[in-house]
Amino acid sequence: MASSREQLEADLREAEQEQQGLDARLQRKPGLDEGGAGAVLREVTLARRQMVIGRIEGLREALHRVRGGTYGRCERCGTQINEERLKILPATSLCVECARSADESPSS
């Protein structure tokens, strides 16, 4: 589990650095010469920042599961999550079957 923890921590550091870069970009106000392109770039940056924040939250939750000894177990059905799935989606808390059924369920 140490390698999973180390990878999650590395991914978290990378995501936090990306957020800092996006925050710095957002501090700069678009110049008059940028026109509408500056506003579009700002919106894209804001959207990217929200995605990064979601990734950070997911990685922090995954690290919490590592510390609690539940990392790699599906939080719905309790089965072991496939190792390949964890490599691709290290912050996932659902096995493929439970994730698929969650995607197919109508949201309330």
N, C-alpha and C. Protein backbone atom coordinates (compact mmCIF):
# COMPACT_ATOMS: atom_id res chain seq x y z
N MET A 1 0.83 -1.20 0.00
CA MET A 1 0.00 0.00 0.00
C MET A 1 0.87 1.26 0.00
N ALA A 2 2.16 1.11 0.39
CA ALA A 2 3.03 2.27 0.43
C ALA A 2 3.18 2.90 -0.96
N SER A 3 3.29 2.06 -2.00
CA SER A 3 3.45 2.63 -3.34
C SER A 3 2.19 3.37 -3.77
N SER A 4 1.01 2.85 -3.39
CA SER A 4 -0.24 3.55 -3.69
C SER A 4 -0.27 4.89 -2.98
N ARG A 5 0.12 4.89 -1.72
CA ARG A 5 0.13 6.13 -0.94
C ARG A 5 1.10 7.13 -1.56
N GLU A 6 2.29 6.66 -1.92
CA GLU A 6 3.28 7.55 -2.51
C GLU A 6 2.80 8.13 -3.83
N GLN A 7 2.15 7.31 -4.64
CA GLN A 7 1.64 7.79 -5.92
C GLN A 7 0.52 8.80 -5.71
N LEU A 8 -0.36 8.52 -4.76
CA LEU A 8 -1.44 9.46 -4.46
C LEU A 8 -0.88 10.79 -3.96
N GLU A 9 0.13 10.72 -3.10
CA GLU A 9 0.75 11.95 -2.59
C GLU A 9 1.41 12.74 -3.72
N ALA A 10 2.08 12.03 -4.64
CA ALA A 10 2.72 12.71 -5.77
C ALA A 10 1.65 13.34 -6.67
N ASP A 11 0.57 12.61 -6.93
CA ASP A 11 -0.52 13.16 -7.74
C ASP A 11 -1.14 14.38 -7.07
N LEU A 12 -1.28 14.32 -5.74
CA LEU A 12 -1.85 15.44 -5.00
C LEU A 12 -0.94 16.66 -5.10
N ARG A 13 0.36 16.47 -4.92
CA ARG A 13 1.29 17.60 -5.05
C ARG A 13 1.21 18.23 -6.44
N GLU A 14 1.14 17.38 -7.46
CA GLU A 14 1.05 17.87 -8.83
C GLU A 14 -0.24 18.68 -9.04
N ALA A 15 -1.34 18.17 -8.54
CA ALA A 15 -2.63 18.86 -8.69
C ALA A 15 -2.63 20.18 -7.92
N GLU A 16 -2.04 20.18 -6.74
CA GLU A 16 -1.98 21.42 -5.95
C GLU A 16 -1.12 22.46 -6.66
N GLN A 17 -0.02 22.02 -7.29
CA GLN A 17 0.82 22.96 -8.05
C GLN A 17 0.06 23.50 -9.26
N GLU A 18 -0.71 22.63 -9.90
CA GLU A 18 -1.51 23.10 -11.03
C GLU A 18 -2.53 24.13 -10.58
N GLN A 19 -3.15 23.89 -9.43
CA GLN A 19 -4.12 24.86 -8.91
C GLN A 19 -3.44 26.20 -8.62
N GLN A 20 -2.25 26.16 -8.05
CA GLN A 20 -1.53 27.40 -7.77
C GLN A 20 -1.24 28.16 -9.06
N GLY A 21 -0.86 27.44 -10.11
CA GLY A 21 -0.60 28.08 -11.39
C GLY A 21 -1.86 28.70 -11.97
N LEU A 22 -2.96 28.00 -11.85
CA LEU A 22 -4.24 28.52 -12.35
C LEU A 22 -4.67 29.74 -11.53
N ASP A 23 -4.48 29.66 -10.21
CA ASP A 23 -4.81 30.80 -9.35
C ASP A 23 -3.99 32.03 -9.74
N ALA A 24 -2.70 31.81 -10.03
CA ALA A 24 -1.84 32.92 -10.43
C ALA A 24 -2.31 33.50 -11.76
N ARG A 25 -2.71 32.65 -12.69
CA ARG A 25 -3.21 33.12 -13.99
C ARG A 25 -4.49 33.93 -13.80
N LEU A 26 -5.33 33.51 -12.86
CA LEU A 26 -6.60 34.21 -12.63
C LEU A 26 -6.40 35.57 -11.96
N GLN A 27 -5.26 35.75 -11.28
CA GLN A 27 -4.98 37.04 -10.65
C GLN A 27 -4.71 38.12 -11.68
N ARG A 28 -4.23 37.69 -12.86
CA ARG A 28 -3.93 38.64 -13.93
C ARG A 28 -5.22 38.98 -14.66
N LYS A 29 -5.51 40.23 -14.74
CA LYS A 29 -6.71 40.70 -15.44
C LYS A 29 -6.38 40.78 -16.93
N PRO A 30 -7.34 40.37 -17.78
CA PRO A 30 -7.08 40.47 -19.22
C PRO A 30 -6.89 41.92 -19.65
N GLY A 31 -5.95 42.13 -20.53
CA GLY A 31 -5.68 43.47 -21.04
C GLY A 31 -6.70 43.87 -22.10
N LEU A 32 -6.77 45.16 -22.37
CA LEU A 32 -7.71 45.66 -23.37
C LEU A 32 -7.42 45.10 -24.74
N ASP A 33 -6.14 44.81 -25.01
CA ASP A 33 -5.76 44.30 -26.33
C ASP A 33 -6.22 42.85 -26.53
N GLU A 34 -6.58 42.16 -25.45
CA GLU A 34 -7.02 40.77 -25.57
C GLU A 34 -8.49 40.66 -25.97
N GLY A 35 -9.26 41.71 -25.72
CA GLY A 35 -10.67 41.71 -26.08
C GLY A 35 -11.42 40.53 -25.50
N GLY A 36 -12.33 39.96 -26.31
CA GLY A 36 -13.15 38.84 -25.87
C GLY A 36 -12.36 37.58 -25.62
N ALA A 37 -11.20 37.45 -26.27
CA ALA A 37 -10.38 36.26 -26.08
C ALA A 37 -9.91 36.16 -24.63
N GLY A 38 -9.63 37.29 -24.01
CA GLY A 38 -9.21 37.29 -22.61
C GLY A 38 -10.30 36.77 -21.70
N ALA A 39 -11.53 37.16 -21.97
CA ALA A 39 -12.66 36.69 -21.16
C ALA A 39 -12.88 35.20 -21.35
N VAL A 40 -12.73 34.73 -22.59
CA VAL A 40 -12.89 33.30 -22.86
C VAL A 40 -11.80 32.51 -22.15
N LEU A 41 -10.57 32.99 -22.24
CA LEU A 41 -9.46 32.31 -21.57
C LEU A 41 -9.69 32.26 -20.06
N ARG A 42 -10.21 33.32 -19.50
CA ARG A 42 -10.49 33.35 -18.07
C ARG A 42 -11.56 32.31 -17.70
N GLU A 43 -12.59 32.19 -18.52
CA GLU A 43 -13.64 31.19 -18.27
C GLU A 43 -13.09 29.77 -18.36
N VAL A 44 -12.24 29.53 -19.34
CA VAL A 44 -11.62 28.21 -19.49
C VAL A 44 -10.74 27.91 -18.28
N THR A 45 -9.99 28.91 -17.83
CA THR A 45 -9.13 28.74 -16.67
C THR A 45 -9.95 28.45 -15.41
N LEU A 46 -11.06 29.16 -15.25
CA LEU A 46 -11.95 28.91 -14.10
C LEU A 46 -12.51 27.48 -14.13
N ALA A 47 -12.90 27.03 -15.31
CA ALA A 47 -13.44 25.68 -15.45
C ALA A 47 -12.36 24.64 -15.13
N ARG A 48 -11.16 24.88 -15.64
CA ARG A 48 -10.04 23.95 -15.36
C ARG A 48 -9.75 23.93 -13.87
N ARG A 49 -9.78 25.10 -13.24
CA ARG A 49 -9.51 25.18 -11.80
C ARG A 49 -10.53 24.34 -11.01
N GLN A 50 -11.80 24.40 -11.40
CA GLN A 50 -12.83 23.60 -10.72
C GLN A 50 -12.56 22.11 -10.87
N MET A 51 -12.12 21.71 -12.06
CA MET A 51 -11.78 20.30 -12.28
C MET A 51 -10.61 19.87 -11.40
N VAL A 52 -9.62 20.73 -11.29
CA VAL A 52 -8.43 20.43 -10.48
C VAL A 52 -8.82 20.35 -9.00
N ILE A 53 -9.67 21.24 -8.56
CA ILE A 53 -10.12 21.21 -7.16
C ILE A 53 -10.84 19.90 -6.88
N GLY A 54 -11.67 19.45 -7.81
CA GLY A 54 -12.34 18.15 -7.65
C GLY A 54 -11.35 17.01 -7.56
N ARG A 55 -10.31 17.10 -8.39
CA ARG A 55 -9.27 16.05 -8.35
C ARG A 55 -8.53 16.07 -7.02
N ILE A 56 -8.22 17.25 -6.51
CA ILE A 56 -7.54 17.38 -5.22
C ILE A 56 -8.40 16.75 -4.12
N GLU A 57 -9.67 17.06 -4.11
CA GLU A 57 -10.57 16.50 -3.10
C GLU A 57 -10.61 14.98 -3.18
N GLY A 58 -10.69 14.45 -4.40
CA GLY A 58 -10.71 13.00 -4.58
C GLY A 58 -9.43 12.35 -4.10
N LEU A 59 -8.29 12.97 -4.39
CA LEU A 59 -7.01 12.42 -3.95
C LEU A 59 -6.88 12.48 -2.43
N ARG A 60 -7.35 13.54 -1.83
CA ARG A 60 -7.31 13.63 -0.36
C ARG A 60 -8.19 12.56 0.28
N GLU A 61 -9.36 12.32 -0.32
CA GLU A 61 -10.24 11.26 0.19
C GLU A 61 -9.58 9.89 0.03
N ALA A 62 -8.90 9.68 -1.10
CA ALA A 62 -8.21 8.41 -1.33
C ALA A 62 -7.10 8.21 -0.29
N LEU A 63 -6.35 9.27 0.01
CA LEU A 63 -5.31 9.17 1.04
C LEU A 63 -5.92 8.87 2.41
N HIS A 64 -7.08 9.41 2.67
CA HIS A 64 -7.78 9.11 3.92
C HIS A 64 -8.14 7.62 3.97
N ARG A 65 -8.58 7.07 2.84
CA ARG A 65 -8.89 5.64 2.78
C ARG A 65 -7.63 4.79 2.96
N VAL A 66 -6.49 5.26 2.44
CA VAL A 66 -5.22 4.54 2.64
C VAL A 66 -4.92 4.47 4.12
N ARG A 67 -5.03 5.62 4.80
CA ARG A 67 -4.74 5.65 6.24
C ARG A 67 -5.72 4.78 7.02
N GLY A 68 -6.96 4.70 6.56
CA GLY A 68 -7.97 3.90 7.24
C GLY A 68 -7.95 2.43 6.85
N GLY A 69 -7.10 2.08 5.89
CA GLY A 69 -6.99 0.68 5.48
C GLY A 69 -8.08 0.22 4.53
N THR A 70 -8.83 1.15 3.95
CA THR A 70 -9.92 0.76 3.05
C THR A 70 -9.63 1.10 1.59
N TYR A 71 -8.46 1.65 1.30
CA TYR A 71 -8.13 2.00 -0.07
C TYR A 71 -8.09 0.73 -0.92
N GLY A 72 -8.72 0.81 -2.09
CA GLY A 72 -8.73 -0.34 -3.00
C GLY A 72 -9.94 -1.23 -2.82
N ARG A 73 -10.77 -0.91 -1.84
CA ARG A 73 -12.03 -1.64 -1.64
C ARG A 73 -13.18 -0.75 -2.08
N CYS A 74 -14.14 -1.35 -2.78
CA CYS A 74 -15.31 -0.60 -3.24
C CYS A 74 -16.13 -0.17 -2.02
N GLU A 75 -16.46 1.11 -1.97
CA GLU A 75 -17.23 1.60 -0.82
C GLU A 75 -18.69 1.17 -0.86
N ARG A 76 -19.15 0.67 -2.00
CA ARG A 76 -20.54 0.19 -2.08
C ARG A 76 -20.66 -1.29 -1.76
N CYS A 77 -19.89 -2.12 -2.48
CA CYS A 77 -20.07 -3.57 -2.34
C CYS A 77 -18.96 -4.25 -1.55
N GLY A 78 -17.85 -3.54 -1.31
CA GLY A 78 -16.77 -4.08 -0.48
C GLY A 78 -15.77 -4.97 -1.20
N THR A 79 -15.97 -5.19 -2.51
CA THR A 79 -15.02 -6.03 -3.24
C THR A 79 -13.74 -5.25 -3.53
N GLN A 80 -12.70 -5.99 -3.84
CA GLN A 80 -11.42 -5.38 -4.20
C GLN A 80 -11.55 -4.72 -5.57
N ILE A 81 -11.12 -3.48 -5.68
CA ILE A 81 -11.15 -2.77 -6.96
C ILE A 81 -9.98 -3.26 -7.80
N ASN A 82 -10.25 -3.51 -9.06
CA ASN A 82 -9.24 -4.00 -9.99
C ASN A 82 -8.02 -3.08 -9.98
N GLU A 83 -6.83 -3.68 -9.93
CA GLU A 83 -5.59 -2.92 -9.87
C GLU A 83 -5.40 -1.99 -11.07
N GLU A 84 -5.79 -2.45 -12.25
CA GLU A 84 -5.68 -1.62 -13.45
C GLU A 84 -6.58 -0.38 -13.33
N ARG A 85 -7.77 -0.56 -12.76
CA ARG A 85 -8.68 0.58 -12.56
C ARG A 85 -8.05 1.59 -11.60
N LEU A 86 -7.40 1.11 -10.55
CA LEU A 86 -6.76 2.01 -9.60
C LEU A 86 -5.58 2.74 -10.23
N LYS A 87 -4.90 2.10 -11.17
CA LYS A 87 -3.79 2.78 -11.86
C LYS A 87 -4.32 3.93 -12.71
N ILE A 88 -5.45 3.69 -13.37
CA ILE A 88 -6.02 4.70 -14.26
C ILE A 88 -6.75 5.79 -13.47
N LEU A 89 -7.50 5.37 -12.43
CA LEU A 89 -8.28 6.28 -11.60
C LEU A 89 -7.89 6.07 -10.14
N PRO A 90 -6.73 6.57 -9.73
CA PRO A 90 -6.25 6.27 -8.37
C PRO A 90 -7.15 6.76 -7.25
N ALA A 91 -7.99 7.74 -7.50
CA ALA A 91 -8.85 8.27 -6.45
C ALA A 91 -10.21 7.58 -6.41
N THR A 92 -10.44 6.60 -7.29
CA THR A 92 -11.76 5.97 -7.34
C THR A 92 -12.07 5.22 -6.05
N SER A 93 -13.33 5.21 -5.70
CA SER A 93 -13.77 4.46 -4.52
C SER A 93 -14.79 3.40 -4.89
N LEU A 94 -15.02 3.22 -6.20
CA LEU A 94 -16.00 2.26 -6.68
C LEU A 94 -15.38 1.28 -7.65
N CYS A 95 -15.81 0.02 -7.57
CA CYS A 95 -15.41 -0.97 -8.57
C CYS A 95 -16.14 -0.65 -9.88
N VAL A 96 -15.76 -1.29 -10.94
CA VAL A 96 -16.35 -1.02 -12.26
C VAL A 96 -17.86 -1.24 -12.22
N GLU A 97 -18.29 -2.34 -11.63
CA GLU A 97 -19.72 -2.67 -11.62
C GLU A 97 -20.53 -1.61 -10.87
N CYS A 98 -20.06 -1.21 -9.72
CA CYS A 98 -20.79 -0.20 -8.94
C CYS A 98 -20.74 1.16 -9.61
N ALA A 99 -19.62 1.50 -10.24
CA ALA A 99 -19.53 2.77 -10.96
C ALA A 99 -20.49 2.77 -12.14
N ARG A 100 -20.56 1.64 -12.83
CA ARG A 100 -21.47 1.54 -13.98
C ARG A 100 -22.91 1.69 -13.52
N SER A 101 -23.28 1.02 -12.43
CA SER A 101 -24.67 1.12 -11.95
C SER A 101 -24.96 2.53 -11.44
N ALA A 102 -23.97 3.20 -10.88
CA ALA A 102 -24.17 4.59 -10.42
C ALA A 102 -24.40 5.51 -11.60
N ASP A 103 -23.68 5.26 -12.70
CA ASP A 103 -23.84 6.08 -13.92
C ASP A 103 -25.20 5.85 -14.57
N GLU A 104 -25.71 4.64 -14.44
CA GLU A 104 -26.98 4.31 -15.08
C GLU A 104 -28.18 4.73 -14.25
N SER A 105 -27.98 4.95 -12.95
CA SER A 105 -29.08 5.34 -12.07
C SER A 105 -29.51 6.77 -12.36
N PRO A 106 -30.82 7.02 -12.41
CA PRO A 106 -31.27 8.41 -12.59
C PRO A 106 -30.93 9.22 -11.36
N SER A 107 -30.45 10.43 -11.58
CA SER A 107 -30.11 11.28 -10.43
C SER A 107 -31.37 11.92 -9.88
N SER A 108 -31.34 12.13 -8.54
CA SER A 108 -32.52 12.74 -7.93
C SER A 108 -32.30 14.18 -7.64
